[in-house]
Amino acid sequence: MSKLEKTINRDLILRENLALQRTILANQTTFLSFLRTSMYFLVGGLGIKNLLQVEGSIYYQVIFYTIAIVILVFGTVNYVRQKRKIEESRMHVGNYKMEYEKEG
């Protein structure tokens, strides 16, 4: 294997690892967005009682709390599912590693 081919393979491994890191960070950012949205609905549920000073405001609170819980659960499930897929794809990164360990 020529020196140029070794350099190209190392570049591919680096690119794959960097792409994987970006994907991990994007997954974490998405989870934090779900968390933030869930907290907005939670705060909305807390604040609606003071905003609507009528007897039926408890129903609106329950609706806001339910939406917050659903968003949080969906975000958590999405995060775990995507994290598992990312970990499964990690094994495909660097099929070239074995060549470097043998030669270098």
N, C-alpha and C. Protein backbone atom coordinates (compact mmCIF):
# COMPACT_ATOMS: atom_id res chain seq x y z
N MET A 1 0.85 -1.17 0.00
CA MET A 1 0.00 0.00 0.00
C MET A 1 0.90 1.24 0.00
N SER A 2 0.59 2.17 -0.86
CA SER A 2 1.43 3.35 -0.99
C SER A 2 1.16 4.34 0.14
N LYS A 3 2.08 5.29 0.27
CA LYS A 3 1.96 6.30 1.32
C LYS A 3 0.73 7.16 1.10
N LEU A 4 0.40 7.45 -0.16
CA LEU A 4 -0.78 8.25 -0.49
C LEU A 4 -2.05 7.54 -0.04
N GLU A 5 -2.13 6.23 -0.27
CA GLU A 5 -3.31 5.48 0.13
C GLU A 5 -3.46 5.46 1.65
N LYS A 6 -2.35 5.35 2.38
CA LYS A 6 -2.39 5.39 3.84
C LYS A 6 -2.91 6.73 4.33
N THR A 7 -2.45 7.82 3.70
CA THR A 7 -2.89 9.16 4.08
C THR A 7 -4.37 9.32 3.81
N ILE A 8 -4.83 8.84 2.66
CA ILE A 8 -6.25 8.94 2.33
C ILE A 8 -7.09 8.16 3.34
N ASN A 9 -6.67 6.96 3.70
CA ASN A 9 -7.41 6.16 4.66
C ASN A 9 -7.46 6.83 6.03
N ARG A 10 -6.37 7.45 6.47
CA ARG A 10 -6.36 8.16 7.75
C ARG A 10 -7.31 9.35 7.71
N ASP A 11 -7.36 10.04 6.57
CA ASP A 11 -8.28 11.16 6.42
C ASP A 11 -9.73 10.68 6.49
N LEU A 12 -10.00 9.53 5.90
CA LEU A 12 -11.36 8.98 5.96
C LEU A 12 -11.74 8.63 7.39
N ILE A 13 -10.83 8.04 8.14
CA ILE A 13 -11.13 7.71 9.53
C ILE A 13 -11.39 8.97 10.32
N LEU A 14 -10.57 9.99 10.14
CA LEU A 14 -10.75 11.25 10.84
C LEU A 14 -12.09 11.87 10.48
N ARG A 15 -12.44 11.90 9.21
CA ARG A 15 -13.72 12.47 8.78
C ARG A 15 -14.89 11.70 9.37
N GLU A 16 -14.78 10.39 9.37
CA GLU A 16 -15.87 9.58 9.92
C GLU A 16 -16.02 9.83 11.42
N ASN A 17 -14.91 9.92 12.13
CA ASN A 17 -14.98 10.18 13.57
C ASN A 17 -15.54 11.56 13.86
N LEU A 18 -15.14 12.55 13.08
CA LEU A 18 -15.66 13.90 13.28
C LEU A 18 -17.15 13.97 12.95
N ALA A 19 -17.56 13.28 11.91
CA ALA A 19 -18.99 13.24 11.57
C ALA A 19 -19.78 12.56 12.68
N LEU A 20 -19.21 11.53 13.26
CA LEU A 20 -19.87 10.84 14.36
C LEU A 20 -19.99 11.74 15.58
N GLN A 21 -18.95 12.51 15.87
CA GLN A 21 -19.01 13.45 16.99
C GLN A 21 -20.07 14.53 16.76
N ARG A 22 -20.16 15.02 15.52
CA ARG A 22 -21.19 16.02 15.21
C ARG A 22 -22.58 15.43 15.38
N THR A 23 -22.75 14.18 15.00
CA THR A 23 -24.04 13.52 15.14
C THR A 23 -24.40 13.35 16.61
N ILE A 24 -23.43 12.99 17.44
CA ILE A 24 -23.67 12.85 18.88
C ILE A 24 -24.08 14.19 19.48
N LEU A 25 -23.37 15.25 19.11
CA LEU A 25 -23.71 16.58 19.62
C LEU A 25 -25.08 17.03 19.14
N ALA A 26 -25.43 16.73 17.91
CA ALA A 26 -26.75 17.09 17.39
C ALA A 26 -27.85 16.35 18.15
N ASN A 27 -27.60 15.09 18.48
CA ASN A 27 -28.57 14.31 19.24
C ASN A 27 -28.76 14.91 20.63
N GLN A 28 -27.68 15.30 21.27
CA GLN A 28 -27.78 15.92 22.60
C GLN A 28 -28.50 17.26 22.53
N THR A 29 -28.23 18.03 21.49
CA THR A 29 -28.90 19.32 21.33
C THR A 29 -30.40 19.13 21.12
N THR A 30 -30.75 18.12 20.35
CA THR A 30 -32.17 17.84 20.12
C THR A 30 -32.85 17.45 21.42
N PHE A 31 -32.20 16.63 22.24
CA PHE A 31 -32.78 16.25 23.53
C PHE A 31 -32.98 17.48 24.42
N LEU A 32 -31.99 18.36 24.45
CA LEU A 32 -32.12 19.57 25.26
C LEU A 32 -33.25 20.46 24.75
N SER A 33 -33.49 20.46 23.46
CA SER A 33 -34.61 21.22 22.90
C SER A 33 -35.95 20.65 23.37
N PHE A 34 -36.05 19.33 23.37
CA PHE A 34 -37.26 18.70 23.89
C PHE A 34 -37.45 19.04 25.37
N LEU A 35 -36.37 18.99 26.12
CA LEU A 35 -36.43 19.31 27.54
C LEU A 35 -36.88 20.75 27.76
N ARG A 36 -36.31 21.67 26.99
CA ARG A 36 -36.66 23.09 27.10
C ARG A 36 -38.14 23.30 26.77
N THR A 37 -38.63 22.67 25.71
CA THR A 37 -40.02 22.81 25.32
C THR A 37 -40.94 22.25 26.40
N SER A 38 -40.56 21.12 26.96
CA SER A 38 -41.33 20.53 28.05
C SER A 38 -41.40 21.46 29.25
N MET A 39 -40.30 22.09 29.56
CA MET A 39 -40.28 23.02 30.70
C MET A 39 -41.14 24.25 30.41
N TYR A 40 -41.19 24.71 29.15
CA TYR A 40 -42.06 25.83 28.80
C TYR A 40 -43.52 25.49 29.07
N PHE A 41 -43.93 24.28 28.69
CA PHE A 41 -45.30 23.88 28.95
C PHE A 41 -45.55 23.72 30.45
N LEU A 42 -44.57 23.25 31.18
CA LEU A 42 -44.71 23.13 32.63
C LEU A 42 -44.90 24.51 33.27
N VAL A 43 -44.08 25.46 32.86
CA VAL A 43 -44.20 26.83 33.38
C VAL A 43 -45.52 27.45 32.93
N GLY A 44 -45.93 27.13 31.71
CA GLY A 44 -47.23 27.61 31.23
C GLY A 44 -48.36 27.08 32.08
N GLY A 45 -48.28 25.82 32.45
CA GLY A 45 -49.29 25.23 33.33
C GLY A 45 -49.30 25.88 34.70
N LEU A 46 -48.12 26.22 35.20
CA LEU A 46 -48.06 26.89 36.50
C LEU A 46 -48.60 28.32 36.43
N GLY A 47 -48.33 28.99 35.32
CA GLY A 47 -48.73 30.38 35.20
C GLY A 47 -50.17 30.59 34.79
N ILE A 48 -50.78 29.59 34.20
CA ILE A 48 -52.14 29.77 33.70
C ILE A 48 -53.15 29.91 34.85
N LYS A 49 -52.81 29.38 36.00
CA LYS A 49 -53.71 29.50 37.15
C LYS A 49 -53.84 30.97 37.56
N ASN A 50 -52.72 31.69 37.54
CA ASN A 50 -52.77 33.10 37.89
C ASN A 50 -53.36 33.95 36.77
N LEU A 51 -53.16 33.51 35.53
CA LEU A 51 -53.66 34.26 34.40
C LEU A 51 -55.18 34.15 34.30
N LEU A 52 -55.68 32.93 34.39
CA LEU A 52 -57.12 32.69 34.34
C LEU A 52 -57.62 32.40 35.75
N GLN A 53 -58.18 33.38 36.36
CA GLN A 53 -58.65 33.19 37.73
C GLN A 53 -60.11 32.77 37.73
N VAL A 54 -60.34 31.66 37.06
CA VAL A 54 -61.69 31.07 37.02
C VAL A 54 -61.58 29.63 37.52
N GLU A 55 -62.71 29.05 37.80
CA GLU A 55 -62.69 27.70 38.37
C GLU A 55 -62.26 26.64 37.38
N GLY A 56 -62.41 26.87 36.10
CA GLY A 56 -62.06 25.88 35.09
C GLY A 56 -60.59 25.87 34.72
N SER A 57 -59.80 26.69 35.36
CA SER A 57 -58.39 26.78 34.98
C SER A 57 -57.61 25.51 35.33
N ILE A 58 -58.13 24.70 36.22
CA ILE A 58 -57.44 23.45 36.59
C ILE A 58 -57.35 22.52 35.38
N TYR A 59 -58.36 22.55 34.52
CA TYR A 59 -58.34 21.71 33.33
C TYR A 59 -57.22 22.13 32.38
N TYR A 60 -57.06 23.45 32.25
CA TYR A 60 -55.97 23.94 31.41
C TYR A 60 -54.61 23.57 31.99
N GLN A 61 -54.51 23.62 33.30
CA GLN A 61 -53.25 23.21 33.95
C GLN A 61 -52.95 21.75 33.65
N VAL A 62 -53.95 20.91 33.79
CA VAL A 62 -53.76 19.49 33.52
C VAL A 62 -53.35 19.27 32.07
N ILE A 63 -53.96 20.00 31.16
CA ILE A 63 -53.61 19.87 29.74
C ILE A 63 -52.14 20.27 29.53
N PHE A 64 -51.74 21.40 30.11
CA PHE A 64 -50.35 21.84 29.95
C PHE A 64 -49.37 20.84 30.57
N TYR A 65 -49.70 20.33 31.75
CA TYR A 65 -48.82 19.35 32.41
C TYR A 65 -48.73 18.07 31.59
N THR A 66 -49.86 17.65 31.04
CA THR A 66 -49.87 16.43 30.23
C THR A 66 -49.01 16.60 28.98
N ILE A 67 -49.14 17.75 28.33
CA ILE A 67 -48.33 18.02 27.14
C ILE A 67 -46.84 18.03 27.52
N ALA A 68 -46.52 18.64 28.65
CA ALA A 68 -45.12 18.69 29.09
C ALA A 68 -44.57 17.29 29.31
N ILE A 69 -45.35 16.43 29.94
CA ILE A 69 -44.89 15.07 30.22
C ILE A 69 -44.74 14.28 28.92
N VAL A 70 -45.70 14.44 28.00
CA VAL A 70 -45.64 13.72 26.72
C VAL A 70 -44.40 14.15 25.94
N ILE A 71 -44.13 15.44 25.90
CA ILE A 71 -42.96 15.93 25.17
C ILE A 71 -41.68 15.42 25.81
N LEU A 72 -41.62 15.43 27.13
CA LEU A 72 -40.43 14.94 27.82
C LEU A 72 -40.20 13.45 27.57
N VAL A 73 -41.26 12.66 27.64
CA VAL A 73 -41.13 11.22 27.40
C VAL A 73 -40.73 10.96 25.95
N PHE A 74 -41.38 11.65 25.01
CA PHE A 74 -41.06 11.46 23.60
C PHE A 74 -39.61 11.87 23.31
N GLY A 75 -39.17 12.97 23.89
CA GLY A 75 -37.79 13.43 23.69
C GLY A 75 -36.78 12.45 24.26
N THR A 76 -37.08 11.90 25.42
CA THR A 76 -36.17 10.93 26.05
C THR A 76 -36.09 9.64 25.23
N VAL A 77 -37.24 9.16 24.78
CA VAL A 77 -37.26 7.94 23.96
C VAL A 77 -36.51 8.19 22.65
N ASN A 78 -36.75 9.33 22.04
CA ASN A 78 -36.05 9.69 20.81
C ASN A 78 -34.54 9.74 21.02
N TYR A 79 -34.12 10.36 22.12
CA TYR A 79 -32.68 10.46 22.42
C TYR A 79 -32.05 9.08 22.59
N VAL A 80 -32.69 8.22 23.36
CA VAL A 80 -32.13 6.89 23.60
C VAL A 80 -32.09 6.08 22.30
N ARG A 81 -33.15 6.17 21.51
CA ARG A 81 -33.19 5.43 20.24
C ARG A 81 -32.08 5.89 19.30
N GLN A 82 -31.93 7.20 19.17
CA GLN A 82 -30.89 7.73 18.28
C GLN A 82 -29.49 7.41 18.81
N LYS A 83 -29.33 7.47 20.12
CA LYS A 83 -28.02 7.15 20.71
C LYS A 83 -27.65 5.70 20.40
N ARG A 84 -28.62 4.81 20.48
CA ARG A 84 -28.36 3.40 20.17
C ARG A 84 -27.96 3.24 18.70
N LYS A 85 -28.64 3.96 17.81
CA LYS A 85 -28.29 3.88 16.39
C LYS A 85 -26.89 4.43 16.13
N ILE A 86 -26.54 5.49 16.83
CA ILE A 86 -25.20 6.07 16.67
C ILE A 86 -24.15 5.08 17.14
N GLU A 87 -24.39 4.44 18.27
CA GLU A 87 -23.43 3.46 18.79
C GLU A 87 -23.29 2.27 17.84
N GLU A 88 -24.40 1.86 17.21
CA GLU A 88 -24.33 0.77 16.25
C GLU A 88 -23.54 1.17 15.02
N SER A 89 -23.65 2.43 14.61
CA SER A 89 -22.91 2.87 13.42
C SER A 89 -21.44 3.11 13.72
N ARG A 90 -21.09 3.23 15.00
CA ARG A 90 -19.69 3.45 15.37
C ARG A 90 -18.81 2.27 14.94
N MET A 91 -19.36 1.07 14.92
CA MET A 91 -18.55 -0.09 14.57
C MET A 91 -18.14 -0.07 13.10
N HIS A 92 -18.84 0.72 12.28
CA HIS A 92 -18.49 0.81 10.87
C HIS A 92 -17.41 1.86 10.61
N VAL A 93 -17.13 2.67 11.62
CA VAL A 93 -16.13 3.71 11.45
C VAL A 93 -14.75 3.09 11.55
N GLY A 94 -13.92 3.42 10.61
CA GLY A 94 -12.53 3.00 10.69
C GLY A 94 -12.31 1.55 10.39
N ASN A 95 -12.94 1.06 9.36
CA ASN A 95 -12.63 -0.31 8.92
C ASN A 95 -11.16 -0.40 8.52
N TYR A 96 -10.55 0.77 8.42
CA TYR A 96 -9.16 0.84 8.00
C TYR A 96 -8.20 0.71 9.18
N LYS A 97 -8.70 0.72 10.39
CA LYS A 97 -7.83 0.68 11.57
C LYS A 97 -6.96 -0.57 11.59
N MET A 98 -7.54 -1.67 11.21
CA MET A 98 -6.79 -2.92 11.24
C MET A 98 -5.58 -2.86 10.30
N GLU A 99 -5.75 -2.19 9.17
CA GLU A 99 -4.63 -2.06 8.24
C GLU A 99 -3.50 -1.27 8.87
N TYR A 100 -3.82 -0.23 9.61
CA TYR A 100 -2.78 0.59 10.24
C TYR A 100 -2.07 -0.15 11.37
N GLU A 101 -2.83 -0.92 12.13
CA GLU A 101 -2.22 -1.66 13.22
C GLU A 101 -1.28 -2.75 12.70
N LYS A 102 -1.63 -3.35 11.57
CA LYS A 102 -0.79 -4.39 11.01
C LYS A 102 0.48 -3.82 10.39
N GLU A 103 0.34 -2.69 9.69
CA GLU A 103 1.47 -2.13 8.96
C GLU A 103 2.31 -1.19 9.79
N GLY A 104 1.68 -0.48 10.71
CA GLY A 104 2.40 0.59 11.37
C GLY A 104 2.84 0.25 12.72
